[in-house]
Structures are given as C-alpha cells and as structure tokens.
N, C-alpha and C. Protein backbone atom coordinates (compact mmCIF):
# COMPACT_ATOMS: atom_id res chain seq x y z
N MET A 1 0.68 -1.20 -0.42
CA MET A 1 -0.27 -0.11 -0.18
C MET A 1 0.83 1.31 0.11
N GLN A 2 0.31 2.05 -1.07
CA GLN A 2 1.60 3.24 -0.83
C GLN A 2 0.75 4.21 0.04
N ALA A 3 1.90 5.09 0.82
CA ALA A 3 1.51 6.58 1.61
C ALA A 3 0.65 7.33 1.08
N GLY A 4 0.36 7.80 2.03
CA GLY A 4 -1.20 8.59 1.83
C GLY A 4 -2.56 8.32 0.64
N GLY A 5 -2.32 6.81 0.42
CA GLY A 5 -3.11 6.50 -0.42
C GLY A 5 -2.75 6.47 -1.78
N GLY A 6 -1.74 6.86 -2.06
CA GLY A 6 -1.31 6.91 -3.59
C GLY A 6 -1.93 7.87 -4.59
N ALA A 7 -1.99 6.97 -5.59
CA ALA A 7 -3.00 7.95 -6.85
C ALA A 7 -4.37 7.94 -6.49
N ARG A 8 -4.82 7.24 -5.86
CA ARG A 8 -6.00 7.00 -5.27
C ARG A 8 -6.78 8.23 -4.87
N PHE A 9 -6.05 8.63 -4.36
CA PHE A 9 -6.55 10.11 -2.82
C PHE A 9 -5.74 11.55 -3.86
N ARG A 10 -4.67 11.48 -4.64
CA ARG A 10 -4.25 12.45 -5.73
C ARG A 10 -3.88 13.82 -4.91
N GLY A 11 -3.34 13.26 -3.55
CA GLY A 11 -2.76 14.54 -2.97
C GLY A 11 -3.75 15.31 -1.87
N LEU A 12 -4.60 14.35 -1.41
CA LEU A 12 -5.78 14.33 -0.45
C LEU A 12 -5.01 13.68 0.74
N GLU A 13 -5.63 14.43 2.02
CA GLU A 13 -5.00 14.23 3.46
C GLU A 13 -6.18 12.39 3.61
N VAL A 14 -5.11 11.55 4.33
CA VAL A 14 -5.40 10.02 4.42
C VAL A 14 -6.34 10.75 5.64
N GLN A 15 -7.48 10.10 6.40
CA GLN A 15 -7.81 10.17 7.38
C GLN A 15 -7.68 9.13 8.25
N THR A 16 -8.09 8.75 9.64
CA THR A 16 -8.14 7.88 10.01
C THR A 16 -9.55 7.62 10.78
N ALA A 17 -9.41 6.46 11.72
CA ALA A 17 -11.09 6.25 11.94
C ALA A 17 -11.31 7.37 13.12
N GLU A 18 -10.07 7.10 13.94
CA GLU A 18 -10.57 8.69 15.17
C GLU A 18 -10.43 9.82 15.07
N SER A 19 -9.63 10.01 13.64
CA SER A 19 -10.18 11.60 13.52
C SER A 19 -11.44 12.24 12.90
N ASN A 20 -12.10 10.92 12.08
CA ASN A 20 -12.75 11.40 11.66
C ASN A 20 -14.33 10.37 12.04
N SER A 21 -14.14 9.88 13.41
CA SER A 21 -15.03 8.87 14.27
C SER A 21 -16.29 9.82 14.41
N ASN A 22 -16.70 10.83 14.30
CA ASN A 22 -18.17 11.29 14.44
C ASN A 22 -18.22 12.60 13.40
N ALA A 23 -17.52 11.96 11.62
CA ALA A 23 -17.77 13.31 10.90
C ALA A 23 -18.33 12.67 9.46
N ILE A 24 -18.62 13.50 8.90
CA ILE A 24 -19.47 12.65 7.64
C ILE A 24 -19.02 14.04 6.47
N ASN A 25 -18.04 13.78 5.65
CA ASN A 25 -17.78 14.48 4.41
C ASN A 25 -19.09 15.08 3.54
N ILE A 26 -19.36 15.75 2.88
CA ILE A 26 -20.60 15.76 1.81
C ILE A 26 -20.02 16.90 0.66
N LEU A 27 -20.17 16.32 0.01
CA LEU A 27 -19.92 16.11 -1.05
C LEU A 27 -20.98 16.59 -2.35
N GLY A 28 -20.51 17.88 -2.90
CA GLY A 28 -21.73 17.89 -4.03
C GLY A 28 -22.73 19.52 -3.42
N TYR A 29 -22.29 20.22 -2.13
CA TYR A 29 -22.21 21.36 -1.20
C TYR A 29 -22.30 22.63 -1.91
N SER A 30 -21.68 22.58 -2.74
CA SER A 30 -21.07 23.78 -3.17
C SER A 30 -22.22 24.25 -4.77
N ARG A 31 -22.43 22.71 -5.34
CA ARG A 31 -23.22 23.13 -6.40
C ARG A 31 -25.09 22.90 -6.21
N THR A 32 -25.30 22.54 -4.91
CA THR A 32 -26.78 22.20 -4.35
C THR A 32 -26.53 22.87 -3.35
N PRO A 33 -26.84 24.23 -2.99
CA PRO A 33 -26.83 24.64 -1.50
C PRO A 33 -28.29 24.87 -1.25
N ASP A 34 -28.99 24.55 -1.95
CA ASP A 34 -30.78 24.04 -0.99
C ASP A 34 -30.78 22.89 -0.42
N LEU A 35 -30.05 22.05 -1.11
CA LEU A 35 -29.91 20.75 -0.43
C LEU A 35 -29.28 20.68 0.75
N TRP A 36 -27.96 21.00 0.82
CA TRP A 36 -26.82 21.17 1.71
C TRP A 36 -27.74 21.89 2.57
N ALA A 37 -27.90 22.91 2.80
CA ALA A 37 -29.05 23.53 3.80
C ALA A 37 -29.97 22.55 4.70
N VAL A 38 -30.99 21.55 3.97
CA VAL A 38 -31.80 20.92 4.35
C VAL A 38 -30.61 19.82 5.16
N VAL A 39 -29.90 19.48 4.75
CA VAL A 39 -28.38 18.68 5.76
C VAL A 39 -28.09 18.84 6.66
N GLN A 40 -27.64 20.32 6.68
CA GLN A 40 -27.44 21.17 7.92
C GLN A 40 -28.41 21.15 9.20
N ARG A 41 -29.53 21.62 8.57
CA ARG A 41 -31.02 22.02 9.46
C ARG A 41 -30.84 20.56 10.03
N SER A 42 -30.98 19.52 9.59
CA SER A 42 -31.74 17.58 9.76
C SER A 42 -30.71 17.41 11.00
N ASN A 43 -29.50 17.70 10.60
CA ASN A 43 -28.49 17.53 11.43
C ASN A 43 -28.36 17.91 13.05
N GLY A 44 -29.35 18.84 13.02
CA GLY A 44 -29.48 19.42 14.74
C GLY A 44 -29.33 18.53 15.56
N GLY A 45 -30.61 17.10 15.53
CA GLY A 45 -30.14 16.55 16.61
C GLY A 45 -29.89 15.39 16.75
N ILE A 46 -29.16 14.98 15.38
CA ILE A 46 -27.78 14.14 15.33
C ILE A 46 -26.93 14.13 15.91
N GLY A 47 -26.23 15.57 15.18
CA GLY A 47 -24.76 16.07 16.05
C GLY A 47 -23.75 15.42 15.56
N LEU A 48 -23.59 14.99 13.70
CA LEU A 48 -22.00 14.85 13.10
C LEU A 48 -21.75 15.85 12.94
N GLU A 49 -20.16 15.92 12.38
CA GLU A 49 -19.31 16.96 12.25
C GLU A 49 -19.63 16.97 10.71
N LEU A 50 -20.23 17.94 9.93
CA LEU A 50 -20.19 17.81 8.88
C LEU A 50 -19.23 18.48 7.69
N LYS A 51 -18.11 18.01 7.18
CA LYS A 51 -17.49 18.75 6.43
C LYS A 51 -17.62 18.87 5.38
N ALA A 52 -17.59 19.94 4.61
CA ALA A 52 -17.40 20.61 3.61
C ALA A 52 -16.20 20.36 2.55
N ARG A 53 -15.48 20.12 1.83
CA ARG A 53 -13.94 20.24 1.63
C ARG A 53 -13.75 19.40 0.37
N TYR A 54 -14.83 18.83 -0.34
CA TYR A 54 -13.50 17.98 -1.39
C TYR A 54 -14.63 18.21 -2.36
N ASP A 55 -15.28 19.57 -2.53
CA ASP A 55 -16.04 19.60 -3.69
C ASP A 55 -15.46 20.37 -4.98
N ASN A 56 -14.03 21.24 -4.52
CA ASN A 56 -13.35 21.34 -5.91
C ASN A 56 -12.08 21.59 -5.01
N ASN A 57 -10.84 20.32 -5.83
CA ASN A 57 -9.76 20.42 -5.51
C ASN A 57 -8.94 19.71 -6.86
N ALA A 58 -7.74 19.27 -6.09
CA ALA A 58 -6.92 18.78 -7.60
C ALA A 58 -7.37 17.52 -7.71
N SER A 59 -7.83 16.97 -6.78
CA SER A 59 -8.12 14.95 -7.10
C SER A 59 -9.48 15.01 -7.78
N ASN A 60 -10.67 16.01 -7.44
CA ASN A 60 -11.39 16.06 -8.59
C ASN A 60 -12.07 14.81 -8.05
N LEU A 61 -12.88 14.54 -6.76
CA LEU A 61 -13.01 13.46 -6.05
C LEU A 61 -14.59 13.72 -6.53
N LEU A 62 -15.02 14.70 -6.18
CA LEU A 62 -16.67 14.81 -6.62
C LEU A 62 -16.73 14.45 -7.88
N ARG A 63 -16.20 15.07 -9.23
CA ARG A 63 -16.14 14.17 -10.42
C ARG A 63 -15.97 12.92 -10.81
N ARG A 64 -15.47 12.12 -9.85
CA ARG A 64 -15.20 11.14 -9.67
C ARG A 64 -16.51 10.14 -8.93
N SER A 65 -17.31 10.58 -8.48
CA SER A 65 -18.22 9.89 -8.00
C SER A 65 -19.64 9.90 -8.66
N ASP A 66 -20.41 9.07 -8.49
CA ASP A 66 -21.85 8.19 -8.72
C ASP A 66 -22.65 9.38 -9.25
N HIS A 67 -22.42 11.10 -8.51
CA HIS A 67 -23.05 11.75 -8.29
C HIS A 67 -22.81 12.90 -9.67
N TRP A 68 -22.00 12.88 -9.99
CA TRP A 68 -21.79 13.92 -10.72
C TRP A 68 -22.59 13.76 -11.89
N PRO A 69 -23.26 12.73 -12.67
CA PRO A 69 -23.69 13.24 -13.77
C PRO A 69 -25.23 13.77 -13.71
N PHE A 70 -25.55 12.99 -12.35
CA PHE A 70 -26.56 14.04 -11.97
C PHE A 70 -26.37 15.46 -11.76
N LEU A 71 -25.53 16.17 -11.40
CA LEU A 71 -25.05 17.45 -10.79
C LEU A 71 -24.98 17.93 -12.36
N GLN A 72 -24.17 16.96 -13.68
CA GLN A 72 -23.72 17.78 -14.36
C GLN A 72 -25.53 18.13 -15.48
N ARG A 73 -26.38 16.95 -15.27
CA ARG A 73 -27.54 17.26 -15.90
C ARG A 73 -28.73 18.18 -15.05
N GLY A 74 -28.03 18.85 -13.73
CA GLY A 74 -29.00 19.85 -13.27
C GLY A 74 -30.04 19.30 -12.29
N VAL A 75 -29.48 17.94 -11.62
CA VAL A 75 -30.33 17.60 -10.72
C VAL A 75 -29.59 17.20 -9.46
N PRO A 76 -30.10 17.91 -8.41
CA PRO A 76 -29.33 18.03 -6.93
C PRO A 76 -29.14 16.63 -6.34
N ALA A 77 -28.01 16.65 -6.13
CA ALA A 77 -27.56 15.46 -5.45
C ALA A 77 -26.39 15.73 -4.09
N LEU A 78 -26.28 15.23 -3.63
CA LEU A 78 -25.33 15.35 -2.55
C LEU A 78 -24.94 13.56 -2.16
N TRP A 79 -23.17 13.77 -1.84
CA TRP A 79 -22.46 12.41 -1.81
C TRP A 79 -22.08 12.15 -0.27
N PHE A 80 -23.03 11.37 0.66
CA PHE A 80 -22.36 11.24 2.17
C PHE A 80 -20.85 10.29 1.68
N HIS A 81 -19.98 11.01 2.46
CA HIS A 81 -18.49 10.41 2.33
C HIS A 81 -18.03 9.68 3.31
N THR A 82 -17.80 8.68 4.25
CA THR A 82 -17.06 8.66 5.24
C THR A 82 -15.95 9.10 5.48
N GLY A 83 -14.86 9.12 4.61
CA GLY A 83 -13.61 9.42 4.69
C GLY A 83 -12.67 8.79 3.36
N LEU A 84 -11.78 9.31 3.45
CA LEU A 84 -10.17 8.55 3.04
C LEU A 84 -9.58 7.91 3.91
N HIS A 85 -9.65 6.63 4.20
CA HIS A 85 -8.60 6.36 5.04
C HIS A 85 -7.54 5.45 4.32
N PRO A 86 -6.85 4.49 4.77
CA PRO A 86 -5.64 3.77 4.20
C PRO A 86 -6.65 3.26 3.66
N ASP A 87 -7.49 2.18 3.75
CA ASP A 87 -7.62 0.81 3.21
C ASP A 87 -9.00 1.31 2.10
N TYR A 88 -9.03 2.39 2.12
CA TYR A 88 -10.52 3.07 1.07
C TYR A 88 -10.14 2.29 -0.52
N HIS A 89 -11.21 1.22 -0.76
CA HIS A 89 -11.01 1.02 -1.71
C HIS A 89 -10.13 0.11 -2.21
N THR A 90 -9.94 -0.67 -1.50
CA THR A 90 -8.63 -1.80 -1.14
C THR A 90 -9.29 -3.17 -0.59
N PRO A 91 -8.49 -4.42 -0.93
CA PRO A 91 -9.29 -5.56 -0.38
C PRO A 91 -9.16 -5.51 1.49
N TYR A 92 -8.71 -4.54 1.74
CA TYR A 92 -8.48 -4.54 3.62
C TYR A 92 -9.47 -3.67 3.60
N ASP A 93 -10.28 -3.04 2.95
CA ASP A 93 -11.42 -2.84 3.34
C ASP A 93 -12.66 -3.42 4.30
N ARG A 94 -12.94 -3.98 5.78
CA ARG A 94 -13.23 -5.02 5.89
C ARG A 94 -14.46 -4.48 6.67
N PRO A 95 -15.73 -5.23 6.87
CA PRO A 95 -16.63 -5.09 7.64
C PRO A 95 -16.38 -4.93 9.12
N GLU A 96 -15.62 -5.49 9.64
CA GLU A 96 -15.14 -5.22 10.93
C GLU A 96 -14.82 -4.21 11.30
N LYS A 97 -14.40 -3.44 10.09
CA LYS A 97 -13.71 -2.11 10.50
C LYS A 97 -14.79 -0.99 10.48
N ILE A 98 -16.03 -1.34 10.40
CA ILE A 98 -17.22 0.06 9.95
C ILE A 98 -17.86 0.57 11.50
N ASN A 99 -17.97 1.25 11.86
CA ASN A 99 -17.82 1.88 13.03
C ASN A 99 -19.93 2.07 13.09
N TYR A 100 -20.34 1.24 13.70
CA TYR A 100 -21.99 0.75 13.07
C TYR A 100 -22.55 2.34 14.15
N GLY A 101 -21.64 2.91 15.16
CA GLY A 101 -22.56 3.95 15.75
C GLY A 101 -22.87 5.08 14.84
N LYS A 102 -21.34 5.05 14.41
CA LYS A 102 -21.55 6.36 13.40
C LYS A 102 -22.55 6.04 12.28
N MET A 103 -22.87 4.96 11.72
CA MET A 103 -23.12 4.53 10.14
C MET A 103 -24.49 4.48 10.54
N GLU A 104 -25.24 4.56 12.05
CA GLU A 104 -26.74 4.64 12.77
C GLU A 104 -26.75 6.20 12.18
N LYS A 105 -25.57 7.01 12.70
CA LYS A 105 -26.29 8.50 12.99
C LYS A 105 -26.32 8.60 11.40
N ILE A 106 -25.57 8.37 10.18
CA ILE A 106 -25.37 8.70 8.91
C ILE A 106 -26.77 8.41 8.61
N ALA A 107 -27.54 7.30 8.65
CA ALA A 107 -28.51 6.83 8.38
C ALA A 107 -29.58 7.71 8.60
N ARG A 108 -29.35 8.13 10.44
CA ARG A 108 -30.96 8.95 10.88
C ARG A 108 -30.93 10.12 9.96
N LEU A 109 -29.17 10.70 9.63
CA LEU A 109 -29.46 12.34 9.12
C LEU A 109 -30.08 11.72 7.41
N VAL A 110 -29.83 10.69 6.80
CA VAL A 110 -30.21 10.89 5.57
C VAL A 110 -31.50 10.63 5.04
N TYR A 111 -32.33 10.17 6.55
CA TYR A 111 -33.81 9.76 6.49
C TYR A 111 -33.98 11.21 6.81
N GLN A 112 -33.43 11.72 8.21
CA GLN A 112 -34.14 12.63 8.63
C GLN A 112 -33.95 14.19 7.51
N ALA A 113 -32.80 13.92 6.41
CA ALA A 113 -32.83 15.07 5.61
C ALA A 113 -33.68 14.78 4.51
N SER A 114 -33.97 13.64 3.99
CA SER A 114 -35.00 13.15 2.98
C SER A 114 -36.64 13.60 3.66
N TRP A 115 -37.10 13.31 4.77
CA TRP A 115 -38.10 13.80 5.26
C TRP A 115 -38.48 14.87 5.62
N ASP A 116 -37.19 15.74 5.41
CA ASP A 116 -37.57 17.21 5.80
C ASP A 116 -37.77 17.75 4.17
N LEU A 117 -36.99 16.84 3.45
CA LEU A 117 -37.16 17.56 1.94
C LEU A 117 -38.79 17.25 1.52
N ALA A 118 -39.19 16.12 1.80
CA ALA A 118 -40.37 15.67 1.68
C ALA A 118 -41.24 16.69 1.93
N GLN A 119 -41.07 17.13 2.88
CA GLN A 119 -42.08 18.18 3.57
C GLN A 119 -41.94 19.38 3.21
N GLN A 120 -41.17 20.07 2.18
CA GLN A 120 -40.85 21.17 2.10
C GLN A 120 -41.82 21.76 0.87
N ASP A 121 -41.84 22.61 0.49
CA ASP A 121 -42.43 23.46 -0.99
C ASP A 121 -41.59 23.30 -2.11
N GLY A 122 -41.76 23.19 -3.05
CA GLY A 122 -40.45 23.39 -4.25
C GLY A 122 -39.46 22.04 -4.02
N ARG A 123 -38.70 22.49 -4.99
CA ARG A 123 -37.41 21.10 -5.41
C ARG A 123 -36.61 21.87 -4.54
N PRO A 124 -35.23 21.40 -4.64
CA PRO A 124 -33.91 22.10 -4.33
C PRO A 124 -33.71 22.93 -5.84
N ARG A 125 -32.87 23.23 -5.53
CA ARG A 125 -32.16 24.00 -6.82
C ARG A 125 -30.82 24.12 -7.08
N MET A 126 -30.23 24.26 -8.05
CA MET A 126 -28.92 24.25 -8.13
C MET A 126 -28.29 25.74 -7.53
N ALA A 127 -27.30 25.73 -7.76
CA ALA A 127 -25.95 26.82 -7.89
C ALA A 127 -26.76 27.89 -8.63
N SER A 128 -26.42 27.86 -9.63
CA SER A 128 -27.01 28.38 -10.84
C SER A 128 -28.48 28.97 -10.84
N GLU A 129 -29.38 28.15 -10.14
CA GLU A 129 -31.02 28.61 -9.86
C GLU A 129 -31.00 29.34 -9.16
N SER A 130 -29.83 29.40 -7.68
CA SER A 130 -30.13 29.85 -6.44
C SER A 130 -29.92 31.26 -6.64
N LEU A 131 -29.13 31.76 -7.94
CA LEU A 131 -28.44 32.91 -7.89
C LEU A 131 -29.80 33.78 -9.03
N ARG A 132 -30.33 33.23 -9.91
CA ARG A 132 -31.53 33.84 -10.53
C ARG A 132 -32.76 34.05 -9.16
N PRO A 133 -33.61 35.24 -9.91
CA PRO A 133 -34.64 35.77 -9.33
C PRO A 133 -35.84 35.16 -9.32
C-alpha cells in the first residue's frame, strides 16, 4: 500500500478512524446549496460533524463519484462520504472496521434530511438556479 493512499487520493489527506469518528464528508454542497442547507438543519438533533471540503480540489473526487452525472444534468445530489482512510477501495476495507454507531447516525441524517425535503414546498435548486430572481 502506498503512503498517503497513492494515486487513489491524488494529494488529499488520508484520514484515520479516530480523526473521523463522528464526521461525514458531504460532497456536492457547492452545487446544491438548497440541499446542503436541508442536511445542515436536519443534522441538528443528530450531531455529526459535517465536513464540506472536497467539492473543488486537484483530486476531482466529486467528479469521480456516481453523483457527478446527476449534477452535470442539473439534478441536485449530495454524496455522503465517510472518509479517505488507508484501506479505502482496497481488499483491506473489511466489515469489521465499520463504526456502526456512526453508520446509524448517518442513516438517521439521510432519513431526516429526506423527510424534511419531502415536507418542503418546491424542489431544491442548483447553485446557478439559486442566483436567479
């Protein structure tokens, strides 16, 4: 295994389970500010540390996600990413390494955000739409 995740991380900082134990990375936040705001409000009673840091960087992590084609076509989408740990996308990324307490919080956050979004009038807009009157 290469130090720093090698080419997989393309210069992004590798995280440890300890440094990321109560955090979730949200990608797509800069392109879907309405959806990002819903997630932030929904997190109030859950208490995860929401990290918005990977939308625009040399690694193009967001553009390498399954969410990118939706964003390119104007469909609001967010990626909930648990972190760039040394075993990410390797055979060593095993189920016994899952933080089940954190996974429960993430599931609760996605549920609450989905519920809150469904109760709103209208749909979330893309960043370019948010700038229109």
